[in-house]
Amino acid sequence: MKLSGRTDVQAPVEFVFDAISDFDFWERAALRRGAEVTRTDKLRQPAPGMSWMIRFGWRGRERQMHVVLKQMDRPHALVVDGDSPSVEGGAVLELVALSATRVRILVQTTIKPRTLAARLFVQSMRLARGKVAARYDKKLRQMATIIEQRYEDSRRG
């Protein structure tokens, strides 16, 4: 199953890319939401090959996923792959500068089920595609709002 969305951010493209690739910030955000995040690589700088083991509760069960940064093309794109016992997939984030201080973020997420239960879940997502797409767009917009707030804070301080 493929999901895609886009949103615009009021900030320069370099700032948006730096915010999206601020992996420490996103790790802390996941921890605040109850996930366990563990880095599984030894890289000192953000670069392809960075990886994390993420454990989280979802639909009443403990889940885990191994996430790997596959590609990092500053300031244009990030590619992330995820792998778990029941699903595999990934996300491609592309940044398009619309002006000096406006950026469009394009995100495409792919989910491939590996088990029968995951296939049933993905099929139910397809049937509720409108609701799923609306929630996906809402989360993308929340991410954009966080980036815009960080940009405003950086300009003030």
C-alpha atoms as a PDB file:
ATOM      1  CA  MET A   1       0.000   0.000   0.000  1.00  0.00           C
ATOM      2  CA  LYS A   2       1.245   3.462  -0.829  1.00  0.00           C
ATOM      3  CA  LEU A   3       0.384   6.669   0.970  1.00  0.00           C
ATOM      4  CA  SER A   4       1.479  10.094  -0.130  1.00  0.00           C
ATOM      5  CA  GLY A   5       1.049  13.594   1.116  1.00  0.00           C
ATOM      6  CA  ARG A   6       2.453  17.059   0.896  1.00  0.00           C
ATOM      7  CA  THR A   7       2.571  20.190   2.959  1.00  0.00           C
ATOM      8  CA  ASP A   8       4.218  23.588   2.766  1.00  0.00           C
ATOM      9  CA  VAL A   9       6.538  25.036   5.405  1.00  0.00           C
ATOM     10  CA  GLN A  10       7.428  28.699   5.938  1.00  0.00           C
ATOM     11  CA  ALA A  11      11.210  28.310   6.322  1.00  0.00           C
ATOM     12  CA  PRO A  12      14.297  28.073   4.088  1.00  0.00           C
ATOM     13  CA  VAL A  13      14.977  24.686   2.497  1.00  0.00           C
ATOM     14  CA  GLU A  14      18.284  24.216   4.370  1.00  0.00           C
ATOM     15  CA  PHE A  15      16.570  24.808   7.711  1.00  0.00           C
ATOM     16  CA  VAL A  16      13.750  22.381   6.840  1.00  0.00           C
ATOM     17  CA  PHE A  17      16.229  19.697   5.799  1.00  0.00           C
ATOM     18  CA  ASP A  18      18.274  20.210   8.976  1.00  0.00           C
ATOM     19  CA  ALA A  19      15.096  19.968  11.070  1.00  0.00           C
ATOM     20  CA  ILE A  20      13.941  16.785   9.333  1.00  0.00           C
ATOM     21  CA  SER A  21      17.398  15.246   9.677  1.00  0.00           C
ATOM     22  CA  ASP A  22      17.718  16.225  13.367  1.00  0.00           C
ATOM     23  CA  PHE A  23      17.394  12.587  14.377  1.00  0.00           C
ATOM     24  CA  ASP A  24      18.111  13.269  18.056  1.00  0.00           C
ATOM     25  CA  PHE A  25      15.062  15.572  18.172  1.00  0.00           C
ATOM     26  CA  TRP A  26      12.792  12.953  16.541  1.00  0.00           C
ATOM     27  CA  GLU A  27      14.175  10.208  18.829  1.00  0.00           C
ATOM     28  CA  ARG A  28      13.244  12.312  21.871  1.00  0.00           C
ATOM     29  CA  ALA A  29       9.792  12.977  20.386  1.00  0.00           C
ATOM     30  CA  ALA A  30       9.224   9.220  19.989  1.00  0.00           C
ATOM     31  CA  LEU A  31      10.407   8.610  23.560  1.00  0.00           C
ATOM     32  CA  ARG A  32       7.923  11.209  24.845  1.00  0.00           C
ATOM     33  CA  ARG A  33       5.161   9.262  23.077  1.00  0.00           C
ATOM     34  CA  GLY A  34       6.106   6.039  24.851  1.00  0.00           C
ATOM     35  CA  ALA A  35       8.330   4.338  22.270  1.00  0.00           C
ATOM     36  CA  GLU A  36      11.723   2.851  23.078  1.00  0.00           C
ATOM     37  CA  VAL A  37      14.336   4.013  20.579  1.00  0.00           C
ATOM     38  CA  THR A  38      17.839   2.534  20.409  1.00  0.00           C
ATOM     39  CA  ARG A  39      20.518   3.548  17.924  1.00  0.00           C
ATOM     40  CA  THR A  40      22.088   0.460  16.352  1.00  0.00           C
ATOM     41  CA  ASP A  41      24.913   2.093  14.380  1.00  0.00           C
ATOM     42  CA  LYS A  42      28.204   3.731  15.329  1.00  0.00           C
ATOM     43  CA  LEU A  43      28.054   6.767  13.024  1.00  0.00           C
ATOM     44  CA  ARG A  44      28.911  10.134  14.580  1.00  0.00           C
ATOM     45  CA  GLN A  45      27.314  12.350  11.902  1.00  0.00           C
ATOM     46  CA  PRO A  46      23.943  11.931  10.180  1.00  0.00           C
ATOM     47  CA  ALA A  47      24.616   9.788   7.101  1.00  0.00           C
ATOM     48  CA  PRO A  48      23.213   6.827   5.197  1.00  0.00           C
ATOM     49  CA  GLY A  49      23.566   3.708   7.298  1.00  0.00           C
ATOM     50  CA  MET A  50      22.185   5.226  10.488  1.00  0.00           C
ATOM     51  CA  SER A  51      19.788   2.759  12.074  1.00  0.00           C
ATOM     52  CA  TRP A  52      17.453   2.393  15.024  1.00  0.00           C
ATOM     53  CA  MET A  53      15.516  -0.358  16.773  1.00  0.00           C
ATOM     54  CA  ILE A  54      12.152   1.026  17.792  1.00  0.00           C
ATOM     55  CA  ARG A  55       9.745  -0.699  20.183  1.00  0.00           C
ATOM     56  CA  PHE A  56       6.247   0.656  20.673  1.00  0.00           C
ATOM     57  CA  GLY A  57       2.789  -0.372  21.726  1.00  0.00           C
ATOM     58  CA  TRP A  58       0.188  -0.431  18.985  1.00  0.00           C
ATOM     59  CA  ARG A  59      -3.259  -2.006  18.867  1.00  0.00           C
ATOM     60  CA  GLY A  60      -2.733  -3.606  22.247  1.00  0.00           C
ATOM     61  CA  ARG A  61       0.530  -5.375  21.386  1.00  0.00           C
ATOM     62  CA  GLU A  62       4.222  -4.671  21.693  1.00  0.00           C
ATOM     63  CA  ARG A  63       5.741  -4.040  18.235  1.00  0.00           C
ATOM     64  CA  GLN A  64       9.275  -3.553  17.059  1.00  0.00           C
ATOM     65  CA  MET A  65      10.767  -2.180  13.882  1.00  0.00           C
ATOM     66  CA  HIS A  66      14.282  -1.782  12.556  1.00  0.00           C
ATOM     67  CA  VAL A  67      14.655   1.531  10.694  1.00  0.00           C
ATOM     68  CA  VAL A  68      17.593   2.401   8.413  1.00  0.00           C
ATOM     69  CA  LEU A  69      18.470   5.692   6.731  1.00  0.00           C
ATOM     70  CA  LYS A  70      19.153   4.606   3.145  1.00  0.00           C
ATOM     71  CA  GLN A  71      19.760   7.904   1.381  1.00  0.00           C
ATOM     72  CA  MET A  72      20.454  11.475   2.391  1.00  0.00           C
ATOM     73  CA  ASP A  73      20.710  14.053  -0.394  1.00  0.00           C
ATOM     74  CA  ARG A  74      21.089  17.426   1.324  1.00  0.00           C
ATOM     75  CA  PRO A  75      18.909  19.540   1.015  1.00  0.00           C
ATOM     76  CA  HIS A  76      16.621  17.619  -1.328  1.00  0.00           C
ATOM     77  CA  ALA A  77      15.682  14.177  -0.021  1.00  0.00           C
ATOM     78  CA  LEU A  78      15.782  11.515   2.678  1.00  0.00           C
ATOM     79  CA  VAL A  79      14.963   7.839   2.182  1.00  0.00           C
ATOM     80  CA  VAL A  80      14.200   5.596   5.165  1.00  0.00           C
ATOM     81  CA  ASP A  81      13.434   1.853   5.166  1.00  0.00           C
ATOM     82  CA  GLY A  82      11.682  -0.040   7.945  1.00  0.00           C
ATOM     83  CA  ASP A  83      11.555  -3.752   8.647  1.00  0.00           C
ATOM     84  CA  SER A  84       9.539  -5.717  11.193  1.00  0.00           C
ATOM     85  CA  PRO A  85       8.354  -9.310  11.507  1.00  0.00           C
ATOM     86  CA  SER A  86       4.932  -8.484  10.050  1.00  0.00           C
ATOM     87  CA  VAL A  87       5.541  -5.578   7.650  1.00  0.00           C
ATOM     88  CA  GLU A  88       8.273  -3.906   5.666  1.00  0.00           C
ATOM     89  CA  GLY A  89       8.244  -0.534   4.015  1.00  0.00           C
ATOM     90  CA  GLY A  90       9.809   2.826   3.736  1.00  0.00           C
ATOM     91  CA  ALA A  91       9.384   6.526   3.297  1.00  0.00           C
ATOM     92  CA  VAL A  92      10.771   9.028   0.818  1.00  0.00           C
ATOM     93  CA  LEU A  93      10.803  12.680   1.879  1.00  0.00           C
ATOM     94  CA  GLU A  94      11.498  15.214  -0.853  1.00  0.00           C
ATOM     95  CA  LEU A  95      11.943  18.939  -0.324  1.00  0.00           C
ATOM     96  CA  VAL A  96      11.131  21.434  -3.067  1.00  0.00           C
ATOM     97  CA  ALA A  97      12.046  25.075  -2.527  1.00  0.00           C
ATOM     98  CA  LEU A  98       9.115  27.199  -3.691  1.00  0.00           C
ATOM     99  CA  SER A  99      10.821  30.458  -2.671  1.00  0.00           C
ATOM    100  CA  ALA A 100      13.618  31.580  -0.375  1.00  0.00           C
ATOM    101  CA  THR A 101      11.459  30.964   2.705  1.00  0.00           C
ATOM    102  CA  ARG A 102       8.847  28.443   1.538  1.00  0.00           C
ATOM    103  CA  VAL A 103       9.372  24.722   1.068  1.00  0.00           C
ATOM    104  CA  ARG A 104       7.039  21.953  -0.054  1.00  0.00           C
ATOM    105  CA  ILE A 105       7.577  18.615   1.673  1.00  0.00           C
ATOM    106  CA  LEU A 106       6.472  15.606  -0.381  1.00  0.00           C
ATOM    107  CA  VAL A 107       6.251  12.290   1.471  1.00  0.00           C
ATOM    108  CA  GLN A 108       5.589   8.833   0.034  1.00  0.00           C
ATOM    109  CA  THR A 109       5.225   5.872   2.372  1.00  0.00           C
ATOM    110  CA  THR A 110       5.077   2.250   1.256  1.00  0.00           C
ATOM    111  CA  ILE A 111       3.815  -0.608   3.440  1.00  0.00           C
ATOM    112  CA  LYS A 112       4.177  -4.258   2.400  1.00  0.00           C
ATOM    113  CA  PRO A 113       2.582  -6.918   4.616  1.00  0.00           C
ATOM    114  CA  ARG A 114       4.495 -10.127   5.415  1.00  0.00           C
ATOM    115  CA  THR A 115       1.885 -12.028   7.412  1.00  0.00           C
ATOM    116  CA  LEU A 116      -1.774 -12.847   6.956  1.00  0.00           C
ATOM    117  CA  ALA A 117      -2.743 -10.603   9.870  1.00  0.00           C
ATOM    118  CA  ALA A 118      -0.766  -7.737   8.333  1.00  0.00           C
ATOM    119  CA  ARG A 119      -2.432  -8.332   4.969  1.00  0.00           C
ATOM    120  CA  LEU A 120      -5.847  -8.087   6.600  1.00  0.00           C
ATOM    121  CA  PHE A 121      -4.821  -4.887   8.343  1.00  0.00           C
ATOM    122  CA  VAL A 122      -3.489  -3.331   5.121  1.00  0.00           C
ATOM    123  CA  GLN A 123      -6.667  -4.358   3.318  1.00  0.00           C
ATOM    124  CA  SER A 124      -8.753  -2.623   5.997  1.00  0.00           C
ATOM    125  CA  MET A 125      -6.583   0.485   5.489  1.00  0.00           C
ATOM    126  CA  ARG A 126      -7.338   0.359   1.756  1.00  0.00           C
ATOM    127  CA  LEU A 127     -11.052   0.187   2.461  1.00  0.00           C
ATOM    128  CA  ALA A 128     -10.809   3.230   4.753  1.00  0.00           C
ATOM    129  CA  ARG A 129      -8.393   5.038   2.440  1.00  0.00           C
ATOM    130  CA  GLY A 130     -10.074   8.442   2.872  1.00  0.00           C
ATOM    131  CA  LYS A 131      -9.788   8.387   6.662  1.00  0.00           C
ATOM    132  CA  VAL A 132      -6.245   7.008   6.521  1.00  0.00           C
ATOM    133  CA  ALA A 133      -5.177   9.707   4.049  1.00  0.00           C
ATOM    134  CA  ALA A 134      -6.751  12.424   6.215  1.00  0.00           C
ATOM    135  CA  ARG A 135      -4.865  11.200   9.324  1.00  0.00           C
ATOM    136  CA  TYR A 136      -1.634  10.934   7.294  1.00  0.00           C
ATOM    137  CA  ASP A 137      -2.047  14.534   6.074  1.00  0.00           C
ATOM    138  CA  LYS A 138      -2.818  15.701   9.622  1.00  0.00           C
ATOM    139  CA  LYS A 139       0.409  14.148  10.974  1.00  0.00           C
ATOM    140  CA  LEU A 140       2.386  15.650   8.105  1.00  0.00           C
ATOM    141  CA  ARG A 141       0.922  19.074   8.863  1.00  0.00           C
ATOM    142  CA  GLN A 142       1.815  18.648  12.565  1.00  0.00           C
ATOM    143  CA  MET A 143       5.414  17.936  11.548  1.00  0.00           C
ATOM    144  CA  ALA A 144       5.420  21.092   9.397  1.00  0.00           C
ATOM    145  CA  THR A 145       4.069  23.138  12.321  1.00  0.00           C
ATOM    146  CA  ILE A 146       6.870  21.860  14.570  1.00  0.00           C
ATOM    147  CA  ILE A 147       9.463  22.848  11.947  1.00  0.00           C
ATOM    148  CA  GLU A 148       7.916  26.304  11.505  1.00  0.00           C
ATOM    149  CA  GLN A 149       7.938  26.851  15.283  1.00  0.00           C
ATOM    150  CA  ARG A 150      11.586  25.825  15.468  1.00  0.00           C
ATOM    151  CA  TYR A 151      12.408  28.247  12.651  1.00  0.00           C
ATOM    152  CA  GLU A 152      10.608  31.135  14.384  1.00  0.00           C
ATOM    153  CA  ASP A 153      12.388  30.304  17.654  1.00  0.00           C
ATOM    154  CA  SER A 154      15.775  30.282  15.892  1.00  0.00           C
ATOM    155  CA  ARG A 155      15.104  33.710  14.352  1.00  0.00           C
ATOM    156  CA  ARG A 156      14.174  35.209  17.737  1.00  0.00           C
ATOM    157  CA  GLY A 157      16.968  33.734  19.790  1.00  0.00           C
END
